[in-house]
C-alpha atoms as a PDB file:
ATOM      1  CA  MET A   1      -3.169 -16.444  25.324  1.00  0.00           C
ATOM      2  CA  ASP A   2       0.363 -17.696  24.739  1.00  0.00           C
ATOM      3  CA  GLY A   3       1.621 -14.551  22.682  1.00  0.00           C
ATOM      4  CA  ILE A   4       0.549 -12.030  19.947  1.00  0.00           C
ATOM      5  CA  VAL A   5       1.407 -11.998  16.308  1.00  0.00           C
ATOM      6  CA  LEU A   6       2.709  -9.047  14.682  1.00  0.00           C
ATOM      7  CA  ALA A   7       1.850  -7.675  11.221  1.00  0.00           C
ATOM      8  CA  LEU A   8       4.554  -5.023  10.398  1.00  0.00           C
ATOM      9  CA  GLY A   9       3.895  -2.748   7.358  1.00  0.00           C
ATOM     10  CA  GLY A  10       6.022  -1.036   4.808  1.00  0.00           C
ATOM     11  CA  GLY A  11       7.551   2.482   5.155  1.00  0.00           C
ATOM     12  CA  GLY A  12      11.330   2.686   4.347  1.00  0.00           C
ATOM     13  CA  VAL A  13      13.001   4.541   6.956  1.00  0.00           C
ATOM     14  CA  ARG A  14       9.887   4.789   9.177  1.00  0.00           C
ATOM     15  CA  GLY A  15      10.582   0.931   9.587  1.00  0.00           C
ATOM     16  CA  SER A  16      12.928   2.080  12.322  1.00  0.00           C
ATOM     17  CA  ALA A  17       9.687   2.284  14.478  1.00  0.00           C
ATOM     18  CA  HIS A  18       9.109  -1.283  13.986  1.00  0.00           C
ATOM     19  CA  THR A  19      12.494  -2.057  15.668  1.00  0.00           C
ATOM     20  CA  ALA A  20      11.380   0.377  18.485  1.00  0.00           C
ATOM     21  CA  ILE A  21       8.115  -1.348  19.040  1.00  0.00           C
ATOM     22  CA  LEU A  22       9.822  -4.837  19.158  1.00  0.00           C
ATOM     23  CA  ASP A  23      12.297  -3.334  21.644  1.00  0.00           C
ATOM     24  CA  VAL A  24       9.480  -2.119  23.743  1.00  0.00           C
ATOM     25  CA  LEU A  25       7.694  -5.535  23.606  1.00  0.00           C
ATOM     26  CA  THR A  26      10.858  -7.372  24.637  1.00  0.00           C
ATOM     27  CA  GLU A  27      11.580  -4.967  27.720  1.00  0.00           C
ATOM     28  CA  ALA A  28       7.946  -5.583  28.732  1.00  0.00           C
ATOM     29  CA  ASN A  29       8.143  -9.409  28.391  1.00  0.00           C
ATOM     30  CA  ILE A  30       5.388  -9.722  25.827  1.00  0.00           C
ATOM     31  CA  PRO A  31       5.816 -12.919  23.929  1.00  0.00           C
ATOM     32  CA  ILE A  32       5.538 -12.882  20.134  1.00  0.00           C
ATOM     33  CA  THR A  33       4.413 -16.273  18.521  1.00  0.00           C
ATOM     34  CA  GLY A  34       4.468 -15.060  15.062  1.00  0.00           C
ATOM     35  CA  LEU A  35       5.726 -12.294  12.519  1.00  0.00           C
ATOM     36  CA  ALA A  36       4.355 -11.223   9.229  1.00  0.00           C
ATOM     37  CA  GLY A  37       6.411  -8.191   7.424  1.00  0.00           C
ATOM     38  CA  SER A  38       6.152  -6.277   4.141  1.00  0.00           C
ATOM     39  CA  SER A  39       8.997  -4.163   2.953  1.00  0.00           C
ATOM     40  CA  ALA A  40      10.792  -2.496   5.788  1.00  0.00           C
ATOM     41  CA  GLY A  41       8.394  -4.457   8.047  1.00  0.00           C
ATOM     42  CA  ALA A  42       9.746  -7.783   6.560  1.00  0.00           C
ATOM     43  CA  LEU A  43      13.095  -6.700   7.467  1.00  0.00           C
ATOM     44  CA  ALA A  44      12.345  -5.761  11.075  1.00  0.00           C
ATOM     45  CA  ALA A  45      10.417  -9.030  11.424  1.00  0.00           C
ATOM     46  CA  ALA A  46      13.244 -11.175  10.063  1.00  0.00           C
ATOM     47  CA  LEU A  47      16.028  -9.446  12.135  1.00  0.00           C
ATOM     48  CA  PHE A  48      13.898 -10.114  15.347  1.00  0.00           C
ATOM     49  CA  ALA A  49      12.953 -13.646  14.356  1.00  0.00           C
ATOM     50  CA  PHE A  50      16.650 -14.641  13.841  1.00  0.00           C
ATOM     51  CA  GLY A  51      17.968 -12.691  16.957  1.00  0.00           C
ATOM     52  CA  ILE A  52      20.325 -10.330  14.690  1.00  0.00           C
ATOM     53  CA  LYS A  53      20.997  -7.125  16.770  1.00  0.00           C
ATOM     54  CA  VAL A  54      21.497  -4.021  14.703  1.00  0.00           C
ATOM     55  CA  HIS A  55      20.945  -0.483  15.970  1.00  0.00           C
ATOM     56  CA  HIS A  56      18.697   1.283  13.806  1.00  0.00           C
ATOM     57  CA  SER A  57      21.262   4.059  12.923  1.00  0.00           C
ATOM     58  CA  GLN A  58      23.754   1.529  11.797  1.00  0.00           C
ATOM     59  CA  LEU A  59      20.955  -0.290   9.993  1.00  0.00           C
ATOM     60  CA  SER A  60      20.329   2.804   7.921  1.00  0.00           C
ATOM     61  CA  GLU A  61      24.196   2.749   7.022  1.00  0.00           C
ATOM     62  CA  TRP A  62      24.043  -0.706   5.872  1.00  0.00           C
ATOM     63  CA  LEU A  63      21.219  -0.278   3.472  1.00  0.00           C
ATOM     64  CA  LYS A  64      21.640   3.506   2.405  1.00  0.00           C
ATOM     65  CA  ASP A  65      21.735   3.394  -1.462  1.00  0.00           C
ATOM     66  CA  PRO A  66      23.703   6.348  -2.970  1.00  0.00           C
ATOM     67  CA  GLU A  67      21.239   5.732  -6.029  1.00  0.00           C
ATOM     68  CA  LEU A  68      18.248   6.823  -3.864  1.00  0.00           C
ATOM     69  CA  GLU A  69      19.956   9.844  -2.441  1.00  0.00           C
ATOM     70  CA  ARG A  70      20.606  10.907  -6.186  1.00  0.00           C
ATOM     71  CA  LEU A  71      16.773  10.593  -6.992  1.00  0.00           C
ATOM     72  CA  GLN A  72      15.981  12.900  -3.861  1.00  0.00           C
ATOM     73  CA  LYS A  73      18.172  15.689  -4.965  1.00  0.00           C
ATOM     74  CA  ASN A  74      16.330  19.100  -5.466  1.00  0.00           C
ATOM     75  CA  GLY A  75      16.948  21.174  -8.396  1.00  0.00           C
ATOM     76  CA  ALA A  76      14.785  21.979 -11.652  1.00  0.00           C
ATOM     77  CA  LEU A  77      17.381  20.350 -13.868  1.00  0.00           C
ATOM     78  CA  HIS A  78      17.384  17.315 -11.583  1.00  0.00           C
ATOM     79  CA  GLN A  79      13.712  17.048 -11.521  1.00  0.00           C
ATOM     80  CA  VAL A  80      13.508  17.042 -15.454  1.00  0.00           C
ATOM     81  CA  THR A  81      16.361  14.350 -15.840  1.00  0.00           C
ATOM     82  CA  ARG A  82      14.102  12.375 -13.281  1.00  0.00           C
ATOM     83  CA  LEU A  83      11.128  12.615 -15.355  1.00  0.00           C
ATOM     84  CA  VAL A  84      12.907  11.549 -18.378  1.00  0.00           C
ATOM     85  CA  ASP A  85      14.482   8.445 -16.507  1.00  0.00           C
ATOM     86  CA  PHE A  86      11.016   7.641 -15.309  1.00  0.00           C
ATOM     87  CA  VAL A  87       9.378   7.455 -18.787  1.00  0.00           C
ATOM     88  CA  ARG A  88      12.427   5.807 -20.499  1.00  0.00           C
ATOM     89  CA  ARG A  89      13.684   3.245 -17.968  1.00  0.00           C
ATOM     90  CA  PRO A  90      11.679   0.300 -16.446  1.00  0.00           C
ATOM     91  CA  TYR A  91      13.322   1.271 -12.940  1.00  0.00           C
ATOM     92  CA  LEU A  92      15.214   4.224 -11.600  1.00  0.00           C
ATOM     93  CA  ALA A  93      17.665   2.368  -9.366  1.00  0.00           C
ATOM     94  CA  GLU A  94      19.327  -0.951  -9.445  1.00  0.00           C
ATOM     95  CA  GLY A  95      19.201  -1.540  -5.454  1.00  0.00           C
ATOM     96  CA  VAL A  96      22.549  -3.199  -5.445  1.00  0.00           C
ATOM     97  CA  LYS A  97      23.737  -1.619  -2.201  1.00  0.00           C
ATOM     98  CA  ILE A  98      20.518  -2.600  -0.485  1.00  0.00           C
ATOM     99  CA  ARG A  99      20.631  -6.241  -1.693  1.00  0.00           C
ATOM    100  CA  GLU A 100      24.287  -6.335  -0.597  1.00  0.00           C
ATOM    101  CA  GLY A 101      23.248  -5.227   2.721  1.00  0.00           C
ATOM    102  CA  TYR A 102      20.490  -7.901   3.062  1.00  0.00           C
ATOM    103  CA  ARG A 103      23.130 -10.660   2.044  1.00  0.00           C
ATOM    104  CA  ALA A 104      25.491  -9.267   4.645  1.00  0.00           C
ATOM    105  CA  LEU A 105      23.018  -9.302   7.313  1.00  0.00           C
ATOM    106  CA  PHE A 106      21.475 -12.691   6.737  1.00  0.00           C
ATOM    107  CA  GLY A 107      23.856 -14.608   4.952  1.00  0.00           C
ATOM    108  CA  ASP A 108      22.417 -17.947   3.818  1.00  0.00           C
ATOM    109  CA  ARG A 109      19.595 -17.927   6.384  1.00  0.00           C
ATOM    110  CA  ARG A 110      16.321 -19.421   4.979  1.00  0.00           C
ATOM    111  CA  ILE A 111      12.790 -18.222   6.066  1.00  0.00           C
ATOM    112  CA  GLU A 112      11.804 -21.871   7.007  1.00  0.00           C
ATOM    113  CA  ASP A 113      14.584 -22.046   9.570  1.00  0.00           C
ATOM    114  CA  SER A 114      13.324 -19.025  11.609  1.00  0.00           C
ATOM    115  CA  PRO A 115      13.018 -19.840  15.332  1.00  0.00           C
ATOM    116  CA  ILE A 116       9.716 -17.871  15.243  1.00  0.00           C
ATOM    117  CA  PRO A 117       7.028 -18.409  12.702  1.00  0.00           C
ATOM    118  CA  LEU A 118       7.988 -15.985   9.744  1.00  0.00           C
ATOM    119  CA  VAL A 119       6.057 -14.889   6.822  1.00  0.00           C
ATOM    120  CA  ILE A 120       7.504 -12.175   4.295  1.00  0.00           C
ATOM    121  CA  GLN A 121       5.078 -10.697   1.957  1.00  0.00           C
ATOM    122  CA  ALA A 122       5.843  -9.662  -1.640  1.00  0.00           C
ATOM    123  CA  SER A 123       3.210  -8.946  -4.464  1.00  0.00           C
ATOM    124  CA  ASP A 124       2.889 -10.311  -7.855  1.00  0.00           C
ATOM    125  CA  LEU A 125       3.556  -7.784 -10.326  1.00  0.00           C
ATOM    126  CA  SER A 126       1.108  -9.342 -12.944  1.00  0.00           C
ATOM    127  CA  THR A 127      -1.859  -9.940 -10.769  1.00  0.00           C
ATOM    128  CA  GLY A 128      -1.366  -7.497  -7.692  1.00  0.00           C
ATOM    129  CA  GLU A 129      -2.069 -10.529  -5.530  1.00  0.00           C
ATOM    130  CA  PRO A 130      -0.143 -10.776  -2.084  1.00  0.00           C
ATOM    131  CA  VAL A 131       2.761 -13.752  -2.302  1.00  0.00           C
ATOM    132  CA  MET A 132       3.531 -15.018   1.115  1.00  0.00           C
ATOM    133  CA  LEU A 133       7.111 -16.348   1.314  1.00  0.00           C
ATOM    134  CA  ARG A 134       7.618 -18.984   3.905  1.00  0.00           C
ATOM    135  CA  ALA A 135      10.558 -20.838   2.511  1.00  0.00           C
ATOM    136  CA  GLY A 136      13.696 -19.676   0.643  1.00  0.00           C
ATOM    137  CA  PRO A 137      16.601 -17.351   1.180  1.00  0.00           C
ATOM    138  CA  VAL A 138      15.882 -14.467   3.525  1.00  0.00           C
ATOM    139  CA  ALA A 139      17.821 -12.015   1.718  1.00  0.00           C
ATOM    140  CA  GLU A 140      16.270 -12.618  -1.692  1.00  0.00           C
ATOM    141  CA  ALA A 141      12.805 -12.709  -0.108  1.00  0.00           C
ATOM    142  CA  LEU A 142      13.599  -9.330   1.322  1.00  0.00           C
ATOM    143  CA  ALA A 143      14.547  -7.954  -1.995  1.00  0.00           C
ATOM    144  CA  ALA A 144      11.277  -9.163  -3.461  1.00  0.00           C
ATOM    145  CA  SER A 145       9.263  -7.652  -0.477  1.00  0.00           C
ATOM    146  CA  SER A 146      11.059  -4.076  -0.903  1.00  0.00           C
ATOM    147  CA  ALA A 147      11.181  -3.860  -4.635  1.00  0.00           C
ATOM    148  CA  VAL A 148       9.082  -0.687  -4.878  1.00  0.00           C
ATOM    149  CA  PRO A 149       7.723  -0.434  -8.517  1.00  0.00           C
ATOM    150  CA  SER A 150       9.405   1.924 -10.658  1.00  0.00           C
ATOM    151  CA  ILE A 151      12.025   2.540  -8.074  1.00  0.00           C
ATOM    152  CA  PHE A 152      13.649  -0.974  -7.960  1.00  0.00           C
ATOM    153  CA  PRO A 153      13.610  -4.001 -10.421  1.00  0.00           C
ATOM    154  CA  PRO A 154      11.253  -6.657  -9.722  1.00  0.00           C
ATOM    155  CA  VAL A 155      12.609 -10.134  -8.453  1.00  0.00           C
ATOM    156  CA  LEU A 156      12.215 -13.238 -10.201  1.00  0.00           C
ATOM    157  CA  TRP A 157      11.012 -15.931  -7.884  1.00  0.00           C
ATOM    158  CA  HIS A 158      10.067 -19.419  -9.255  1.00  0.00           C
ATOM    159  CA  GLY A 159       8.705 -17.843 -12.462  1.00  0.00           C
ATOM    160  CA  ARG A 160       6.887 -15.120 -10.911  1.00  0.00           C
ATOM    161  CA  LEU A 161       7.876 -11.457 -10.908  1.00  0.00           C
ATOM    162  CA  LEU A 162       7.759 -10.053  -7.264  1.00  0.00           C
ATOM    163  CA  VAL A 163       7.526  -6.347  -6.132  1.00  0.00           C
ATOM    164  CA  ASP A 164       7.008  -4.426  -2.949  1.00  0.00           C
ATOM    165  CA  GLY A 165       4.670  -6.287  -0.517  1.00  0.00           C
ATOM    166  CA  ASP A 166       2.665  -2.809   0.026  1.00  0.00           C
ATOM    167  CA  VAL A 167       1.340  -3.056  -3.398  1.00  0.00           C
ATOM    168  CA  ALA A 168      -1.099  -5.920  -2.223  1.00  0.00           C
ATOM    169  CA  GLU A 169      -1.476  -5.085   1.478  1.00  0.00           C
ATOM    170  CA  LYS A 170       0.435  -2.359   3.134  1.00  0.00           C
ATOM    171  CA  VAL A 171       0.477  -3.968   6.473  1.00  0.00           C
ATOM    172  CA  PRO A 172       0.307  -7.762   6.102  1.00  0.00           C
ATOM    173  CA  VAL A 173      -2.670  -8.772   8.247  1.00  0.00           C
ATOM    174  CA  THR A 174      -3.963 -11.575   5.841  1.00  0.00           C
ATOM    175  CA  ALA A 175      -0.457 -13.101   6.232  1.00  0.00           C
ATOM    176  CA  ALA A 176      -0.339 -12.904   9.806  1.00  0.00           C
ATOM    177  CA  LYS A 177      -3.806 -14.512  10.116  1.00  0.00           C
ATOM    178  CA  THR A 178      -2.336 -17.622   8.360  1.00  0.00           C
ATOM    179  CA  LEU A 179       0.222 -18.223  11.322  1.00  0.00           C
ATOM    180  CA  GLN A 180      -2.812 -18.808  13.497  1.00  0.00           C
ATOM    181  CA  ALA A 181      -0.601 -18.164  16.600  1.00  0.00           C
ATOM    182  CA  GLY A 182      -2.549 -15.599  18.524  1.00  0.00           C
ATOM    183  CA  PRO A 183      -4.215 -12.001  18.358  1.00  0.00           C
ATOM    184  CA  ILE A 184      -2.899  -9.821  15.583  1.00  0.00           C
ATOM    185  CA  VAL A 185      -1.285  -6.570  16.232  1.00  0.00           C
ATOM    186  CA  ALA A 186      -0.878  -4.479  13.202  1.00  0.00           C
ATOM    187  CA  VAL A 187       1.793  -1.911  12.919  1.00  0.00           C
ATOM    188  CA  ASP A 188       1.249   0.834  10.310  1.00  0.00           C
ATOM    189  CA  VAL A 189       4.208   3.263   9.974  1.00  0.00           C
ATOM    190  CA  SER A 190       2.339   5.355   7.388  1.00  0.00           C
ATOM    191  CA  ASN A 191       2.631   9.363   7.505  1.00  0.00           C
ATOM    192  CA  ARG A 192      -0.314  11.093   8.637  1.00  0.00           C
ATOM    193  CA  VAL A 193      -2.620  11.814   5.710  1.00  0.00           C
ATOM    194  CA  THR A 194      -3.340  15.407   4.865  1.00  0.00           C
ATOM    195  CA  PRO A 195      -5.813  16.179   2.007  1.00  0.00           C
ATOM    196  CA  ASN A 196      -4.339  18.552  -0.565  1.00  0.00           C
ATOM    197  CA  THR A 197      -5.467  19.637  -4.055  1.00  0.00           C
ATOM    198  CA  PRO A 198      -3.243  18.220  -6.744  1.00  0.00           C
ATOM    199  CA  LYS A 199      -1.025  20.636  -8.866  1.00  0.00           C
ATOM    200  CA  SER A 200      -0.746  18.372 -11.880  1.00  0.00           C
ATOM    201  CA  ALA A 201      -2.242  15.295 -13.685  1.00  0.00           C
ATOM    202  CA  LEU A 202       0.533  13.268 -12.617  1.00  0.00           C
ATOM    203  CA  GLU A 203       0.032  14.230  -9.070  1.00  0.00           C
ATOM    204  CA  ALA A 204      -3.699  13.546  -9.383  1.00  0.00           C
ATOM    205  CA  ALA A 205      -3.076  10.035 -10.664  1.00  0.00           C
ATOM    206  CA  LEU A 206      -0.575   9.272  -7.834  1.00  0.00           C
ATOM    207  CA  GLN A 207      -2.945  10.688  -5.207  1.00  0.00           C
ATOM    208  CA  ALA A 208      -5.813   8.425  -6.517  1.00  0.00           C
ATOM    209  CA  GLY A 209      -3.653   5.278  -6.278  1.00  0.00           C
ATOM    210  CA  GLU A 210      -2.658   6.297  -2.964  1.00  0.00           C
ATOM    211  CA  ALA A 211      -6.420   6.636  -1.884  1.00  0.00           C
ATOM    212  CA  SER A 212      -6.969   3.387  -3.262  1.00  0.00           C
ATOM    213  CA  ARG A 213      -4.255   1.776  -1.169  1.00  0.00           C
ATOM    214  CA  ARG A 214      -5.451   3.350   1.851  1.00  0.00           C
ATOM    215  CA  ARG A 215      -8.779   1.895   1.409  1.00  0.00           C
ATOM    216  CA  LEU A 216      -7.332  -1.694   1.049  1.00  0.00           C
ATOM    217  CA  LEU A 217      -5.380  -0.890   4.181  1.00  0.00           C
ATOM    218  CA  SER A 218      -8.427   0.231   6.283  1.00  0.00           C
ATOM    219  CA  ILE A 219     -10.140  -3.177   5.106  1.00  0.00           C
ATOM    220  CA  ALA A 220      -7.040  -5.262   6.234  1.00  0.00           C
ATOM    221  CA  LEU A 221      -6.428  -3.130   9.522  1.00  0.00           C
ATOM    222  CA  ALA A 222     -10.011  -3.944  10.391  1.00  0.00           C
ATOM    223  CA  GLN A 223      -9.247  -7.630  10.766  1.00  0.00           C
ATOM    224  CA  ALA A 224      -6.553  -6.961  13.461  1.00  0.00           C
ATOM    225  CA  ALA A 225      -7.114  -7.204  17.103  1.00  0.00           C
ATOM    226  CA  LEU A 226      -5.119  -4.053  17.718  1.00  0.00           C
ATOM    227  CA  VAL A 227      -3.656  -1.334  15.364  1.00  0.00           C
ATOM    228  CA  ILE A 228      -0.547   0.703  16.506  1.00  0.00           C
ATOM    229  CA  SER A 229      -0.154   3.815  13.888  1.00  0.00           C
ATOM    230  CA  LEU A 230       2.920   5.702  13.629  1.00  0.00           C
ATOM    231  CA  GLU A 231       1.141   8.741  12.000  1.00  0.00           C
ATOM    232  CA  ALA A 232       4.396  10.798  11.674  1.00  0.00           C
ATOM    233  CA  ASP A 233       3.561  14.672  11.641  1.00  0.00           C
ATOM    234  CA  PRO A 234       5.387  16.156  10.151  1.00  0.00           C
ATOM    235  CA  PRO A 235       5.642  13.498   7.665  1.00  0.00           C
ATOM    236  CA  ILE A 236       9.173  11.293   7.470  1.00  0.00           C
ATOM    237  CA  GLU A 237       9.966  10.770   3.871  1.00  0.00           C
ATOM    238  CA  THR A 238      10.443   7.099   2.684  1.00  0.00           C
ATOM    239  CA  PHE A 239      14.061   7.417   1.957  1.00  0.00           C
ATOM    240  CA  ASP A 240      15.208  10.149   4.336  1.00  0.00           C
ATOM    241  CA  TYR A 241      17.825   8.310   6.319  1.00  0.00           C
ATOM    242  CA  THR A 242      18.521  11.270   8.447  1.00  0.00           C
ATOM    243  CA  LYS A 243      15.127  10.650  10.207  1.00  0.00           C
ATOM    244  CA  ALA A 244      15.589   7.053  11.286  1.00  0.00           C
ATOM    245  CA  HIS A 245      16.264   8.293  14.972  1.00  0.00           C
ATOM    246  CA  LEU A 246      13.152  10.456  14.741  1.00  0.00           C
ATOM    247  CA  ALA A 247      11.024   7.360  13.537  1.00  0.00           C
ATOM    248  CA  TYR A 248      12.657   5.164  16.350  1.00  0.00           C
ATOM    249  CA  GLU A 249      11.631   7.577  19.060  1.00  0.00           C
ATOM    250  CA  LEU A 250       8.065   7.850  17.865  1.00  0.00           C
ATOM    251  CA  GLY A 251       7.818   4.143  17.726  1.00  0.00           C
ATOM    252  CA  ARG A 252       8.745   3.689  21.098  1.00  0.00           C
ATOM    253  CA  LYS A 253       6.127   6.319  22.272  1.00  0.00           C
ATOM    254  CA  ARG A 254       3.408   4.577  20.371  1.00  0.00           C
ATOM    255  CA  ALA A 255       4.346   1.107  21.777  1.00  0.00           C
ATOM    256  CA  GLU A 256       4.415   2.225  25.309  1.00  0.00           C
ATOM    257  CA  ALA A 257       1.014   3.861  24.870  1.00  0.00           C
ATOM    258  CA  ALA A 258      -0.405   0.544  23.425  1.00  0.00           C
ATOM    259  CA  LEU A 259       1.097  -1.862  26.098  1.00  0.00           C
ATOM    260  CA  PRO A 260      -1.873  -1.794  28.324  1.00  0.00           C
ATOM    261  CA  GLN A 261      -4.296  -2.796  25.409  1.00  0.00           C
ATOM    262  CA  ILE A 262      -1.675  -5.453  24.422  1.00  0.00           C
ATOM    263  CA  LYS A 263      -1.550  -6.822  27.928  1.00  0.00           C
ATOM    264  CA  GLN A 264      -5.301  -7.036  27.930  1.00  0.00           C
ATOM    265  CA  LEU A 265      -5.261  -9.057  24.747  1.00  0.00           C
ATOM    266  CA  LEU A 266      -2.989 -11.428  26.298  1.00  0.00           C
ATOM    267  CA  ALA A 267      -5.274 -11.818  29.479  1.00  0.00           C
ATOM    268  CA  LYS A 268      -8.317 -12.946  27.611  1.00  0.00           C
ATOM    269  CA  PRO A 269      -8.606 -16.736  27.385  1.00  0.00           C
ATOM    270  CA  ALA A 270      -7.745 -18.293  24.201  1.00  0.00           C
ATOM    271  CA  PRO A 271     -11.089 -20.091  22.587  1.00  0.00           C
ATOM    272  CA  ARG A 272     -10.490 -23.700  22.788  1.00  0.00           C
ATOM    273  CA  ASN A 273     -12.206 -26.330  20.608  1.00  0.00           C
ATOM    274  CA  LYS A 274     -14.252 -29.203  22.527  1.00  0.00           C
ATOM    275  CA  PRO A 275     -12.735 -32.607  22.617  1.00  0.00           C
ATOM    276  CA  TRP A 276     -14.003 -34.833  20.000  1.00  0.00           C
ATOM    277  CA  TRP A 277     -15.205 -37.441  22.860  1.00  0.00           C
ATOM    278  CA  LEU A 278     -17.302 -34.783  24.344  1.00  0.00           C
ATOM    279  CA  ARG A 279     -20.080 -35.076  21.931  1.00  0.00           C
ATOM    280  CA  PHE A 280     -20.799 -38.612  22.866  1.00  0.00           C
ATOM    281  CA  LEU A 281     -21.620 -37.564  26.415  1.00  0.00           C
ATOM    282  CA  GLN A 282     -24.247 -35.086  25.597  1.00  0.00           C
ATOM    283  CA  PRO A 283     -27.712 -36.192  25.806  1.00  0.00           C
ATOM    284  CA  LYS A 284     -29.380 -36.772  22.450  1.00  0.00           C
ATOM    285  CA  PRO A 285     -32.715 -35.065  21.621  1.00  0.00           C
ATOM    286  CA  GLN A 286     -35.691 -37.486  22.349  1.00  0.00           C
ATOM    287  CA  ALA A 287     -38.225 -37.962  19.306  1.00  0.00           C
ATOM    288  CA  PRO A 288     -41.755 -37.498  20.337  1.00  0.00           C
ATOM    289  CA  LYS A 289     -43.868 -40.760  20.869  1.00  0.00           C
ATOM    290  CA  GLY A 290     -46.920 -41.825  19.014  1.00  0.00           C
ATOM    291  CA  ASN A 291     -48.393 -40.073  16.076  1.00  0.00           C
ATOM    292  CA  PRO A 292     -46.964 -36.407  15.843  1.00  0.00           C
ATOM    293  CA  VAL A 293     -49.762 -35.501  13.653  1.00  0.00           C
ATOM    294  CA  ALA A 294     -52.591 -36.810  15.855  1.00  0.00           C
ATOM    295  CA  GLN A 295     -50.870 -35.279  18.986  1.00  0.00           C
ATOM    296  CA  ALA A 296     -50.860 -31.833  16.948  1.00  0.00           C
ATOM    297  CA  ALA A 297     -54.502 -32.107  16.263  1.00  0.00           C
ATOM    298  CA  GLN A 298     -55.327 -33.159  20.057  1.00  0.00           C
ATOM    299  CA  GLN A 299     -53.179 -30.226  21.288  1.00  0.00           C
ATOM    300  CA  GLN A 300     -55.086 -27.920  18.680  1.00  0.00           C
ATOM    301  CA  LYS A 301     -58.625 -29.146  20.247  1.00  0.00           C
ATOM    302  CA  LYS A 302     -57.531 -28.376  23.567  1.00  0.00           C
ATOM    303  CA  THR A 303     -56.115 -24.802  22.989  1.00  0.00           C
ATOM    304  CA  HIS A 304     -58.998 -23.803  20.592  1.00  0.00           C
ATOM    305  CA  PRO A 305     -62.378 -25.881  21.857  1.00  0.00           C
ATOM    306  CA  LYS A 306     -65.404 -25.629  19.485  1.00  0.00           C
ATOM    307  CA  VAL A 307     -68.237 -23.439  20.849  1.00  0.00           C
ATOM    308  CA  LYS A 308     -71.617 -25.154  20.719  1.00  0.00           C
ATOM    309  CA  THR A 309     -74.287 -23.013  19.253  1.00  0.00           C
END
């Protein structure tokens, strides 16, 4: 086959693992013929597609948002304040710093001008369906794809309110399939799931929602030719920028382990459609001569002759 298509899922800081996986594939001369990304995976896909080189540690500095750091502070008073904000405000952070980072990285680049076929996935806030962005400003598409509901404001895109692509499909395998450019390698940078008993009604509701998303994720991943899972243990929190290097190193480890399987995918011959003119060279089935009913009756007599009594 000519190359692979990558479906890169969301995960905040864990998206540094996508950069590592892309580095390993490049070093191994694995051709990439298409990219689909959601949230952090969309950022990694767009950077690679447009050939923008940024070290993962520097990338965290570009996109680090002081509002998110404030939200992650510990302390009982802060927790109460955050709960009040959660109830009274439509979102907790403006995300200005992150959007500025996207614009600084990509300028006025547009998705349709990508040298490698690229799809950035967001979700429709009203319907929950995936929205596959194939044209338009990269920076604005990334803002939509990473607009985590309740954390960042939704992005208005041609009359639709778009939010984080993970809402519809955490790893955008469906979007990758639309590219039709090779076998799909899905990269899931989720933390390893550890079952636990919820301690509050809110925690139970959040856990139930997460279980539903994991089920949808498993359905999507089943359609990929190969799945690379990060499974960080201990978990790496979504906005813990101090763990970006840890996610990168773990991503390299997972990619190197998957290289033999990826090479095996490329070794398989691509299915080819038969030329349209070939059907005229194939012999047509011959219709039976004579009366088919009489022939069937004659055959019946030969097979089961009457016995004289």
